[in-house]
Amino acid sequence: MKWKELPQNIKVRMITSFFNRAVSSAVMPFMALFFAQEMNKIWAGMFLIITVMIGFFINLVGGYISDRFPRKKVLLTTSWLNALFFFIMTISLFPEENVILLFAGAYIGFIITSSLGRPAMHAIIIDSTTPENRKAVYALDYWLVNLSMAIGAALGGAPVSEPSDRALRDADLNVCHDPDCLWNLAAGQLQGPAEEAA
């Protein structure tokens, strides 16, 4: 099946989902690092566990809403709210001292609105396809999901061009399981300050 043969609803859904998922993949995986840096690791872990639980239950509510109300209105409302919460998250980072509680509240709002709209987004494919072309549409959608997540992760990681020495050492310890490798790593770390002083 060619792109031109797809129904208009499917085209709009796939394009908007692609960009939405790319932006989310560029930002959301780094939330744990951000909250751990701004607050602490325990706070970040508990907060993200709570957001996952909220997203799970709101997703169930979103399925009910997408069956009871017009899907187009549900998608438009949740999409505008997503944009609003993204904007609030951005604004909260502008002050010299980040307004973390505002950022966290906007992040929870984003999780809620995106979870409410996700079932309606998936239901559009079923509504707009036939049994003959459904398999091809799902295959294309699956391909676009993977591509958007890869592009988003690359865009999100691009600003971190030079990781810290601590991060590099942690990565070395995670990869290095051989005793000789660990010995060489420890010796290199011990020699590092002496070499810099010389």
N, C-alpha and C. Protein backbone atom coordinates (compact mmCIF):
# COMPACT_ATOMS: atom_id res chain seq x y z
N MET A 1 0.83 -1.19 0.00
CA MET A 1 0.00 0.00 0.00
C MET A 1 0.88 1.25 0.00
N LYS A 2 0.57 2.20 -0.88
CA LYS A 2 1.34 3.43 -0.99
C LYS A 2 0.79 4.49 -0.05
N TRP A 3 1.65 5.47 0.26
CA TRP A 3 1.29 6.54 1.17
C TRP A 3 0.07 7.32 0.66
N LYS A 4 0.02 7.55 -0.65
CA LYS A 4 -1.08 8.32 -1.24
C LYS A 4 -2.42 7.60 -1.08
N GLU A 5 -2.39 6.29 -0.96
CA GLU A 5 -3.63 5.52 -0.86
C GLU A 5 -4.20 5.49 0.55
N LEU A 6 -3.42 5.96 1.53
CA LEU A 6 -3.89 5.93 2.91
C LEU A 6 -4.99 6.97 3.14
N PRO A 7 -5.95 6.67 4.02
CA PRO A 7 -6.98 7.67 4.36
C PRO A 7 -6.34 8.88 5.03
N GLN A 8 -6.99 10.03 4.89
CA GLN A 8 -6.44 11.28 5.44
C GLN A 8 -6.26 11.20 6.95
N ASN A 9 -7.20 10.56 7.65
CA ASN A 9 -7.08 10.43 9.10
C ASN A 9 -5.80 9.70 9.49
N ILE A 10 -5.47 8.66 8.75
CA ILE A 10 -4.27 7.87 9.06
C ILE A 10 -3.02 8.71 8.82
N LYS A 11 -2.99 9.45 7.73
CA LYS A 11 -1.82 10.29 7.43
C LYS A 11 -1.58 11.32 8.54
N VAL A 12 -2.66 12.02 8.92
CA VAL A 12 -2.53 13.05 9.96
C VAL A 12 -2.10 12.41 11.28
N ARG A 13 -2.71 11.28 11.60
CA ARG A 13 -2.38 10.60 12.86
C ARG A 13 -0.93 10.17 12.88
N MET A 14 -0.42 9.60 11.80
CA MET A 14 0.96 9.11 11.77
C MET A 14 1.97 10.25 11.81
N ILE A 15 1.68 11.33 11.09
CA ILE A 15 2.61 12.47 11.07
C ILE A 15 2.67 13.13 12.44
N THR A 16 1.50 13.40 13.02
CA THR A 16 1.50 14.05 14.34
C THR A 16 2.09 13.15 15.41
N SER A 17 1.80 11.85 15.35
CA SER A 17 2.37 10.91 16.33
C SER A 17 3.89 10.84 16.19
N PHE A 18 4.37 10.91 14.95
CA PHE A 18 5.81 10.85 14.71
C PHE A 18 6.52 12.01 15.41
N PHE A 19 6.04 13.23 15.18
CA PHE A 19 6.71 14.39 15.78
C PHE A 19 6.49 14.45 17.29
N ASN A 20 5.30 14.09 17.72
CA ASN A 20 5.01 14.07 19.16
C ASN A 20 5.92 13.08 19.88
N ARG A 21 6.07 11.88 19.31
CA ARG A 21 6.90 10.85 19.93
C ARG A 21 8.38 11.21 19.87
N ALA A 22 8.81 11.86 18.78
CA ALA A 22 10.21 12.27 18.66
C ALA A 22 10.56 13.29 19.74
N VAL A 23 9.67 14.27 19.95
CA VAL A 23 9.92 15.28 20.98
C VAL A 23 9.90 14.64 22.37
N SER A 24 8.93 13.77 22.60
CA SER A 24 8.86 13.10 23.90
C SER A 24 10.08 12.24 24.16
N SER A 25 10.56 11.54 23.14
CA SER A 25 11.74 10.68 23.30
C SER A 25 13.01 11.50 23.51
N ALA A 26 13.00 12.73 23.05
CA ALA A 26 14.17 13.60 23.26
C ALA A 26 14.21 14.16 24.67
N VAL A 27 13.06 14.24 25.33
CA VAL A 27 12.99 14.91 26.63
C VAL A 27 12.76 13.93 27.78
N MET A 28 11.76 13.06 27.64
CA MET A 28 11.30 12.26 28.77
C MET A 28 12.31 11.28 29.34
N PRO A 29 13.16 10.61 28.54
CA PRO A 29 14.11 9.67 29.15
C PRO A 29 15.11 10.34 30.09
N PHE A 30 15.29 11.65 29.98
CA PHE A 30 16.27 12.35 30.79
C PHE A 30 15.65 13.00 32.03
N MET A 31 14.37 12.73 32.28
CA MET A 31 13.71 13.30 33.44
C MET A 31 14.33 12.79 34.74
N ALA A 32 14.71 11.52 34.77
CA ALA A 32 15.31 10.98 36.00
C ALA A 32 16.60 11.71 36.33
N LEU A 33 17.43 11.94 35.33
CA LEU A 33 18.69 12.67 35.55
C LEU A 33 18.42 14.10 36.01
N PHE A 34 17.44 14.73 35.39
CA PHE A 34 17.14 16.12 35.72
C PHE A 34 16.65 16.25 37.16
N PHE A 35 15.69 15.41 37.55
CA PHE A 35 15.15 15.50 38.90
C PHE A 35 16.19 15.09 39.95
N ALA A 36 17.02 14.10 39.62
CA ALA A 36 18.08 13.71 40.55
C ALA A 36 19.08 14.84 40.75
N GLN A 37 19.35 15.59 39.72
CA GLN A 37 20.29 16.71 39.82
C GLN A 37 19.68 17.88 40.58
N GLU A 38 18.40 18.17 40.32
CA GLU A 38 17.77 19.33 40.93
C GLU A 38 17.29 19.05 42.36
N MET A 39 16.84 17.84 42.62
CA MET A 39 16.34 17.50 43.96
C MET A 39 17.31 16.49 44.60
N ASN A 40 16.96 15.21 44.52
CA ASN A 40 17.87 14.14 44.93
C ASN A 40 17.39 12.83 44.30
N LYS A 41 18.19 11.79 44.44
CA LYS A 41 17.89 10.54 43.75
C LYS A 41 16.62 9.88 44.29
N ILE A 42 16.43 9.92 45.59
CA ILE A 42 15.25 9.28 46.18
C ILE A 42 13.98 10.00 45.73
N TRP A 43 14.00 11.33 45.78
CA TRP A 43 12.85 12.11 45.33
C TRP A 43 12.54 11.82 43.87
N ALA A 44 13.60 11.78 43.04
CA ALA A 44 13.40 11.52 41.61
C ALA A 44 12.80 10.14 41.38
N GLY A 45 13.32 9.14 42.09
CA GLY A 45 12.80 7.77 41.92
C GLY A 45 11.35 7.65 42.33
N MET A 46 11.01 8.21 43.50
CA MET A 46 9.63 8.13 43.97
C MET A 46 8.69 8.91 43.05
N PHE A 47 9.13 10.07 42.61
CA PHE A 47 8.28 10.89 41.74
C PHE A 47 8.00 10.17 40.42
N LEU A 48 9.02 9.56 39.83
CA LEU A 48 8.82 8.89 38.54
C LEU A 48 8.00 7.61 38.69
N ILE A 49 8.13 6.92 39.82
CA ILE A 49 7.27 5.75 40.07
C ILE A 49 5.81 6.19 40.13
N ILE A 50 5.57 7.31 40.83
CA ILE A 50 4.20 7.82 40.94
C ILE A 50 3.65 8.21 39.57
N THR A 51 4.48 8.85 38.72
CA THR A 51 4.00 9.26 37.39
C THR A 51 3.68 8.05 36.52
N VAL A 52 4.46 6.98 36.66
CA VAL A 52 4.17 5.76 35.89
C VAL A 52 2.83 5.18 36.32
N MET A 53 2.58 5.14 37.63
CA MET A 53 1.30 4.62 38.14
C MET A 53 0.14 5.49 37.68
N ILE A 54 0.33 6.81 37.74
CA ILE A 54 -0.71 7.73 37.27
C ILE A 54 -1.00 7.49 35.79
N GLY A 55 0.06 7.38 34.99
CA GLY A 55 -0.11 7.16 33.55
C GLY A 55 -0.85 5.87 33.25
N PHE A 56 -0.58 4.82 34.03
CA PHE A 56 -1.24 3.53 33.81
C PHE A 56 -2.74 3.65 34.04
N PHE A 57 -3.14 4.22 35.17
CA PHE A 57 -4.57 4.30 35.49
C PHE A 57 -5.30 5.31 34.60
N ILE A 58 -4.64 6.41 34.26
CA ILE A 58 -5.27 7.40 33.38
C ILE A 58 -5.44 6.83 31.98
N ASN A 59 -4.55 5.95 31.56
CA ASN A 59 -4.68 5.29 30.26
C ASN A 59 -5.98 4.49 30.20
N LEU A 60 -6.34 3.84 31.30
CA LEU A 60 -7.60 3.09 31.35
C LEU A 60 -8.79 4.04 31.24
N VAL A 61 -8.71 5.17 31.93
CA VAL A 61 -9.76 6.17 31.84
C VAL A 61 -9.85 6.73 30.42
N GLY A 62 -8.69 6.91 29.78
CA GLY A 62 -8.66 7.40 28.41
C GLY A 62 -9.37 6.47 27.44
N GLY A 63 -9.25 5.16 27.66
CA GLY A 63 -9.98 4.20 26.83
C GLY A 63 -11.48 4.36 26.96
N TYR A 64 -11.94 4.56 28.18
CA TYR A 64 -13.37 4.79 28.41
C TYR A 64 -13.83 6.08 27.73
N ILE A 65 -13.03 7.15 27.88
CA ILE A 65 -13.39 8.45 27.30
C ILE A 65 -13.42 8.38 25.78
N SER A 66 -12.47 7.67 25.18
CA SER A 66 -12.43 7.59 23.71
C SER A 66 -13.61 6.81 23.15
N ASP A 67 -14.22 5.94 23.97
CA ASP A 67 -15.42 5.22 23.53
C ASP A 67 -16.70 6.02 23.75
N ARG A 68 -16.70 6.90 24.73
CA ARG A 68 -17.91 7.64 25.07
C ARG A 68 -18.04 8.97 24.35
N PHE A 69 -16.92 9.61 24.00
CA PHE A 69 -16.94 10.95 23.41
C PHE A 69 -16.32 10.92 22.02
N PRO A 70 -16.63 11.94 21.20
CA PRO A 70 -16.03 11.97 19.86
C PRO A 70 -14.50 12.00 19.93
N ARG A 71 -13.88 11.11 19.19
CA ARG A 71 -12.42 10.96 19.29
C ARG A 71 -11.68 12.20 18.80
N LYS A 72 -12.25 12.88 17.81
CA LYS A 72 -11.59 14.07 17.30
C LYS A 72 -11.50 15.15 18.38
N LYS A 73 -12.57 15.35 19.13
CA LYS A 73 -12.55 16.34 20.20
C LYS A 73 -11.59 15.93 21.32
N VAL A 74 -11.58 14.63 21.63
CA VAL A 74 -10.65 14.14 22.66
C VAL A 74 -9.21 14.41 22.24
N LEU A 75 -8.89 14.10 20.99
CA LEU A 75 -7.52 14.30 20.50
C LEU A 75 -7.13 15.77 20.46
N LEU A 76 -8.04 16.62 19.99
CA LEU A 76 -7.74 18.06 19.94
C LEU A 76 -7.53 18.63 21.34
N THR A 77 -8.40 18.24 22.27
CA THR A 77 -8.29 18.76 23.63
C THR A 77 -6.99 18.31 24.29
N THR A 78 -6.69 17.01 24.20
CA THR A 78 -5.48 16.50 24.86
C THR A 78 -4.21 17.03 24.18
N SER A 79 -4.26 17.23 22.87
CA SER A 79 -3.09 17.76 22.17
C SER A 79 -2.80 19.20 22.58
N TRP A 80 -3.85 20.02 22.68
CA TRP A 80 -3.65 21.41 23.13
C TRP A 80 -3.15 21.45 24.56
N LEU A 81 -3.68 20.58 25.40
CA LEU A 81 -3.22 20.53 26.79
C LEU A 81 -1.78 20.05 26.88
N ASN A 82 -1.40 19.09 26.03
CA ASN A 82 -0.01 18.65 25.97
C ASN A 82 0.92 19.81 25.67
N ALA A 83 0.54 20.59 24.65
CA ALA A 83 1.36 21.75 24.27
C ALA A 83 1.44 22.76 25.41
N LEU A 84 0.31 22.97 26.10
CA LEU A 84 0.30 23.91 27.22
C LEU A 84 1.25 23.47 28.34
N PHE A 85 1.19 22.19 28.68
CA PHE A 85 2.05 21.70 29.77
C PHE A 85 3.52 21.70 29.36
N PHE A 86 3.81 21.42 28.10
CA PHE A 86 5.19 21.54 27.61
C PHE A 86 5.67 22.98 27.74
N PHE A 87 4.79 23.92 27.42
CA PHE A 87 5.15 25.34 27.51
C PHE A 87 5.42 25.73 28.97
N ILE A 88 4.58 25.25 29.89
CA ILE A 88 4.78 25.55 31.31
C ILE A 88 6.10 24.94 31.79
N MET A 89 6.40 23.72 31.36
CA MET A 89 7.67 23.09 31.73
C MET A 89 8.84 23.93 31.26
N THR A 90 8.73 24.48 30.04
CA THR A 90 9.82 25.30 29.50
C THR A 90 9.96 26.60 30.28
N ILE A 91 8.83 27.26 30.56
CA ILE A 91 8.86 28.54 31.28
C ILE A 91 9.45 28.36 32.67
N SER A 92 9.16 27.22 33.31
CA SER A 92 9.63 27.01 34.68
C SER A 92 11.15 26.87 34.76
N LEU A 93 11.81 26.65 33.63
CA LEU A 93 13.27 26.51 33.62
C LEU A 93 13.99 27.81 33.35
N PHE A 94 13.27 28.87 32.98
CA PHE A 94 13.91 30.13 32.63
C PHE A 94 14.48 30.91 33.82
N PRO A 95 13.81 30.92 34.97
CA PRO A 95 14.43 31.66 36.08
C PRO A 95 15.81 31.11 36.43
N GLU A 96 16.61 31.96 37.09
CA GLU A 96 17.96 31.52 37.45
C GLU A 96 17.91 30.29 38.34
N GLU A 97 16.96 30.29 39.26
CA GLU A 97 16.73 29.09 40.06
C GLU A 97 15.46 28.44 39.54
N ASN A 98 15.61 27.23 38.98
CA ASN A 98 14.48 26.55 38.35
C ASN A 98 13.33 26.35 39.34
N VAL A 99 12.10 26.56 38.86
CA VAL A 99 10.92 26.33 39.68
C VAL A 99 10.54 24.86 39.51
N ILE A 100 11.18 24.02 40.32
CA ILE A 100 11.06 22.58 40.12
C ILE A 100 9.65 22.07 40.41
N LEU A 101 9.01 22.60 41.43
CA LEU A 101 7.66 22.12 41.74
C LEU A 101 6.68 22.46 40.62
N LEU A 102 6.82 23.61 40.00
CA LEU A 102 5.99 23.95 38.85
C LEU A 102 6.31 23.01 37.68
N PHE A 103 7.59 22.75 37.47
CA PHE A 103 8.00 21.83 36.41
C PHE A 103 7.42 20.44 36.66
N ALA A 104 7.50 19.97 37.91
CA ALA A 104 6.99 18.64 38.25
C ALA A 104 5.48 18.57 38.06
N GLY A 105 4.76 19.64 38.46
CA GLY A 105 3.31 19.66 38.27
C GLY A 105 2.93 19.65 36.80
N ALA A 106 3.67 20.43 35.98
CA ALA A 106 3.41 20.44 34.54
C ALA A 106 3.74 19.08 33.92
N TYR A 107 4.78 18.43 34.43
CA TYR A 107 5.14 17.10 33.92
C TYR A 107 4.04 16.10 34.22
N ILE A 108 3.47 16.16 35.43
CA ILE A 108 2.35 15.27 35.75
C ILE A 108 1.15 15.58 34.85
N GLY A 109 0.90 16.87 34.61
CA GLY A 109 -0.18 17.24 33.70
C GLY A 109 0.05 16.70 32.29
N PHE A 110 1.29 16.76 31.84
CA PHE A 110 1.61 16.21 30.52
C PHE A 110 1.35 14.70 30.48
N ILE A 111 1.77 14.00 31.53
CA ILE A 111 1.55 12.55 31.60
C ILE A 111 0.05 12.24 31.55
N ILE A 112 -0.74 13.01 32.29
CA ILE A 112 -2.19 12.76 32.35
C ILE A 112 -2.83 13.01 30.99
N THR A 113 -2.53 14.15 30.37
CA THR A 113 -3.18 14.47 29.10
C THR A 113 -2.73 13.53 27.98
N SER A 114 -1.45 13.17 27.97
CA SER A 114 -1.00 12.26 26.92
C SER A 114 -1.59 10.86 27.11
N SER A 115 -1.75 10.43 28.38
CA SER A 115 -2.36 9.13 28.64
C SER A 115 -3.85 9.13 28.31
N LEU A 116 -4.51 10.27 28.49
CA LEU A 116 -5.93 10.35 28.13
C LEU A 116 -6.13 10.28 26.63
N GLY A 117 -5.23 10.86 25.85
CA GLY A 117 -5.40 10.90 24.40
C GLY A 117 -4.87 9.69 23.66
N ARG A 118 -4.00 8.90 24.31
CA ARG A 118 -3.37 7.78 23.62
C ARG A 118 -4.37 6.73 23.12
N PRO A 119 -5.36 6.29 23.92
CA PRO A 119 -6.31 5.30 23.39
C PRO A 119 -7.08 5.80 22.17
N ALA A 120 -7.47 7.07 22.17
CA ALA A 120 -8.18 7.62 21.01
C ALA A 120 -7.28 7.64 19.79
N MET A 121 -5.99 7.93 20.01
CA MET A 121 -5.03 7.94 18.91
C MET A 121 -4.91 6.55 18.27
N HIS A 122 -4.88 5.53 19.13
CA HIS A 122 -4.80 4.16 18.60
C HIS A 122 -6.10 3.73 17.93
N ALA A 123 -7.21 4.19 18.47
CA ALA A 123 -8.51 3.78 17.92
C ALA A 123 -8.75 4.34 16.54
N ILE A 124 -8.10 5.45 16.20
CA ILE A 124 -8.28 6.04 14.87
C ILE A 124 -7.83 5.07 13.78
N ILE A 125 -6.78 4.31 14.05
CA ILE A 125 -6.31 3.35 13.04
C ILE A 125 -7.39 2.31 12.75
N ILE A 126 -7.99 1.79 13.80
CA ILE A 126 -9.02 0.77 13.61
C ILE A 126 -10.23 1.37 12.90
N ASP A 127 -10.60 2.59 13.25
CA ASP A 127 -11.77 3.23 12.64
C ASP A 127 -11.55 3.55 11.17
N SER A 128 -10.32 3.86 10.79
CA SER A 128 -10.05 4.37 9.44
C SER A 128 -9.45 3.33 8.50
N THR A 129 -9.33 2.10 8.95
CA THR A 129 -8.77 1.07 8.08
C THR A 129 -9.79 -0.04 7.85
N THR A 130 -9.48 -0.85 6.85
CA THR A 130 -10.27 -2.04 6.56
C THR A 130 -9.43 -3.27 6.87
N PRO A 131 -10.05 -4.43 7.00
CA PRO A 131 -9.24 -5.64 7.25
C PRO A 131 -8.18 -5.88 6.18
N GLU A 132 -8.40 -5.37 4.98
CA GLU A 132 -7.43 -5.61 3.90
C GLU A 132 -6.16 -4.76 4.07
N ASN A 133 -6.31 -3.51 4.50
CA ASN A 133 -5.12 -2.65 4.59
C ASN A 133 -4.62 -2.45 6.02
N ARG A 134 -5.29 -3.03 6.99
CA ARG A 134 -4.91 -2.79 8.39
C ARG A 134 -3.51 -3.29 8.70
N LYS A 135 -3.14 -4.44 8.17
CA LYS A 135 -1.82 -5.00 8.46
C LYS A 135 -0.73 -4.08 7.92
N ALA A 136 -0.90 -3.56 6.72
CA ALA A 136 0.09 -2.66 6.13
C ALA A 136 0.20 -1.36 6.92
N VAL A 137 -0.95 -0.84 7.37
CA VAL A 137 -0.94 0.41 8.14
C VAL A 137 -0.23 0.21 9.48
N TYR A 138 -0.50 -0.90 10.15
CA TYR A 138 0.17 -1.16 11.42
C TYR A 138 1.67 -1.37 11.23
N ALA A 139 2.06 -2.00 10.13
CA ALA A 139 3.49 -2.18 9.86
C ALA A 139 4.17 -0.83 9.65
N LEU A 140 3.52 0.06 8.90
CA LEU A 140 4.08 1.41 8.70
C LEU A 140 4.12 2.18 10.01
N ASP A 141 3.07 2.07 10.81
CA ASP A 141 3.03 2.76 12.10
C ASP A 141 4.14 2.25 13.02
N TYR A 142 4.37 0.95 13.03
CA TYR A 142 5.43 0.37 13.86
C TYR A 142 6.80 0.89 13.42
N TRP A 143 7.01 0.98 12.13
CA TRP A 143 8.27 1.49 11.60
C TRP A 143 8.47 2.95 11.99
N LEU A 144 7.41 3.76 11.89
CA LEU A 144 7.51 5.17 12.25
C LEU A 144 7.73 5.36 13.75
N VAL A 145 7.14 4.48 14.57
CA VAL A 145 7.36 4.55 16.02
C VAL A 145 8.84 4.36 16.33
N ASN A 146 9.44 3.33 15.77
CA ASN A 146 10.86 3.06 16.02
C ASN A 146 11.75 4.19 15.51
N LEU A 147 11.44 4.70 14.33
CA LEU A 147 12.25 5.78 13.76
C LEU A 147 12.15 7.05 14.60
N SER A 148 10.94 7.41 15.02
CA SER A 148 10.76 8.63 15.81
C SER A 148 11.45 8.52 17.16
N MET A 149 11.41 7.34 17.79
CA MET A 149 12.08 7.18 19.08
C MET A 149 13.60 7.25 18.92
N ALA A 150 14.12 6.70 17.83
CA ALA A 150 15.57 6.76 17.60
C ALA A 150 16.01 8.20 17.34
N ILE A 151 15.25 8.92 16.52
CA ILE A 151 15.59 10.33 16.24
C ILE A 151 15.47 11.16 17.51
N GLY A 152 14.43 10.94 18.28
CA GLY A 152 14.24 11.70 19.52
C GLY A 152 15.36 11.45 20.52
N ALA A 153 15.76 10.19 20.69
CA ALA A 153 16.85 9.88 21.62
C ALA A 153 18.16 10.52 21.16
N ALA A 154 18.40 10.51 19.85
CA ALA A 154 19.62 11.13 19.33
C ALA A 154 19.60 12.64 19.54
N LEU A 155 18.46 13.27 19.31
CA LEU A 155 18.35 14.72 19.53
C LEU A 155 18.49 15.08 21.00
N GLY A 156 17.91 14.25 21.87
CA GLY A 156 18.00 14.52 23.30
C GLY A 156 19.41 14.35 23.85
N GLY A 157 20.16 13.40 23.30
CA GLY A 157 21.52 13.16 23.78
C GLY A 157 22.56 14.03 23.11
N ALA A 158 22.21 14.70 22.02
CA ALA A 158 23.19 15.49 21.28
C ALA A 158 23.81 16.62 22.09
N PRO A 159 23.05 17.36 22.93
CA PRO A 159 23.68 18.46 23.68
C PRO A 159 24.75 17.99 24.66
N VAL A 160 24.68 16.72 25.08
CA VAL A 160 25.68 16.20 26.02
C VAL A 160 26.85 15.69 25.20
N SER A 161 27.71 16.59 24.76
CA SER A 161 28.81 16.20 23.88
C SER A 161 30.00 15.66 24.64
N GLU A 162 30.25 16.20 25.86
CA GLU A 162 31.39 15.74 26.65
C GLU A 162 30.90 15.30 28.02
N PRO A 163 30.70 13.99 28.21
CA PRO A 163 30.24 13.52 29.51
C PRO A 163 31.31 13.74 30.57
N SER A 164 30.88 13.83 31.82
CA SER A 164 31.81 14.09 32.91
C SER A 164 32.71 12.90 33.16
N ASP A 165 33.84 13.15 33.83
CA ASP A 165 34.75 12.06 34.17
C ASP A 165 34.08 11.02 35.04
N ARG A 166 33.22 11.48 35.96
CA ARG A 166 32.50 10.55 36.83
C ARG A 166 31.62 9.61 36.02
N ALA A 167 30.92 10.16 35.03
CA ALA A 167 30.05 9.33 34.19
C ALA A 167 30.87 8.33 33.40
N LEU A 168 32.04 8.75 32.90
CA LEU A 168 32.89 7.84 32.15
C LEU A 168 33.41 6.72 33.05
N ARG A 169 33.80 7.05 34.28
CA ARG A 169 34.28 6.02 35.20
C ARG A 169 33.17 5.04 35.53
N ASP A 170 31.94 5.55 35.76
CA ASP A 170 30.82 4.67 36.05
C ASP A 170 30.54 3.74 34.87
N ALA A 171 30.63 4.28 33.66
CA ALA A 171 30.41 3.46 32.47
C ALA A 171 31.49 2.39 32.36
N ASP A 172 32.75 2.76 32.65
CA ASP A 172 33.84 1.78 32.61
C ASP A 172 33.61 0.67 33.62
N LEU A 173 33.16 1.02 34.82
CA LEU A 173 32.93 0.01 35.84
C LEU A 173 31.78 -0.92 35.45
N ASN A 174 30.79 -0.40 34.78
CA ASN A 174 29.67 -1.24 34.35
C ASN A 174 30.08 -2.22 33.26
N VAL A 175 31.00 -1.80 32.39
CA VAL A 175 31.42 -2.66 31.28
C VAL A 175 32.51 -3.62 31.70
N CYS A 176 33.35 -3.20 32.65
CA CYS A 176 34.57 -3.91 33.01
C CYS A 176 34.28 -4.93 34.11
N HIS A 177 34.28 -6.23 33.78
CA HIS A 177 34.04 -7.27 34.78
C HIS A 177 35.30 -8.11 35.03
N ASP A 178 36.27 -8.07 34.15
CA ASP A 178 37.49 -8.84 34.27
C ASP A 178 38.37 -8.22 35.37
N PRO A 179 38.97 -9.03 36.28
CA PRO A 179 39.80 -8.46 37.35
C PRO A 179 40.97 -7.63 36.82
N ASP A 180 41.62 -8.08 35.74
CA ASP A 180 42.72 -7.30 35.18
C ASP A 180 42.23 -5.95 34.66
N CYS A 181 41.06 -5.96 34.05
CA CYS A 181 40.49 -4.72 33.53
C CYS A 181 40.18 -3.75 34.67
N LEU A 182 39.60 -4.29 35.77
CA LEU A 182 39.31 -3.44 36.92
C LEU A 182 40.59 -2.89 37.53
N TRP A 183 41.66 -3.74 37.61
CA TRP A 183 42.94 -3.30 38.16
C TRP A 183 43.52 -2.16 37.32
N ASN A 184 43.49 -2.32 35.99
CA ASN A 184 44.02 -1.28 35.10
C ASN A 184 43.22 0.01 35.22
N LEU A 185 41.89 -0.15 35.36
CA LEU A 185 41.03 1.03 35.51
C LEU A 185 41.37 1.77 36.80
N ALA A 186 41.52 1.00 37.91
CA ALA A 186 41.85 1.62 39.20
C ALA A 186 43.22 2.28 39.14
N ALA A 187 44.18 1.61 38.53
CA ALA A 187 45.53 2.18 38.43
C ALA A 187 45.51 3.46 37.60
N GLY A 188 44.74 3.47 36.53
CA GLY A 188 44.64 4.67 35.70
C GLY A 188 44.02 5.83 36.44
N GLN A 189 43.00 5.54 37.31
CA GLN A 189 42.38 6.60 38.08
C GLN A 189 43.31 7.13 39.16
N LEU A 190 44.15 6.22 39.73
CA LEU A 190 45.09 6.65 40.76
C LEU A 190 46.22 7.49 40.16
N GLN A 191 46.60 7.14 38.93
CA GLN A 191 47.70 7.87 38.31
C GLN A 191 47.24 9.21 37.74
N GLY A 192 45.93 9.35 37.49
CA GLY A 192 45.43 10.56 36.85
C GLY A 192 45.81 11.84 37.57
N PRO A 193 45.53 11.99 38.87
CA PRO A 193 45.85 13.24 39.55
C PRO A 193 47.34 13.51 39.60
N ALA A 194 48.18 12.43 39.79
CA ALA A 194 49.62 12.62 39.86
C ALA A 194 50.16 13.13 38.54
N GLU A 195 49.63 12.59 37.42
CA GLU A 195 50.09 13.02 36.11
C GLU A 195 49.71 14.47 35.86
N GLU A 196 48.48 14.86 36.32
CA GLU A 196 48.06 16.25 36.11
C GLU A 196 48.93 17.21 36.92
N ALA A 197 49.33 16.77 38.15
CA ALA A 197 50.17 17.63 38.96
C ALA A 197 51.55 17.82 38.34
N ALA A 198 52.05 16.71 37.71
CA ALA A 198 53.37 16.80 37.07
C ALA A 198 53.29 17.70 35.87
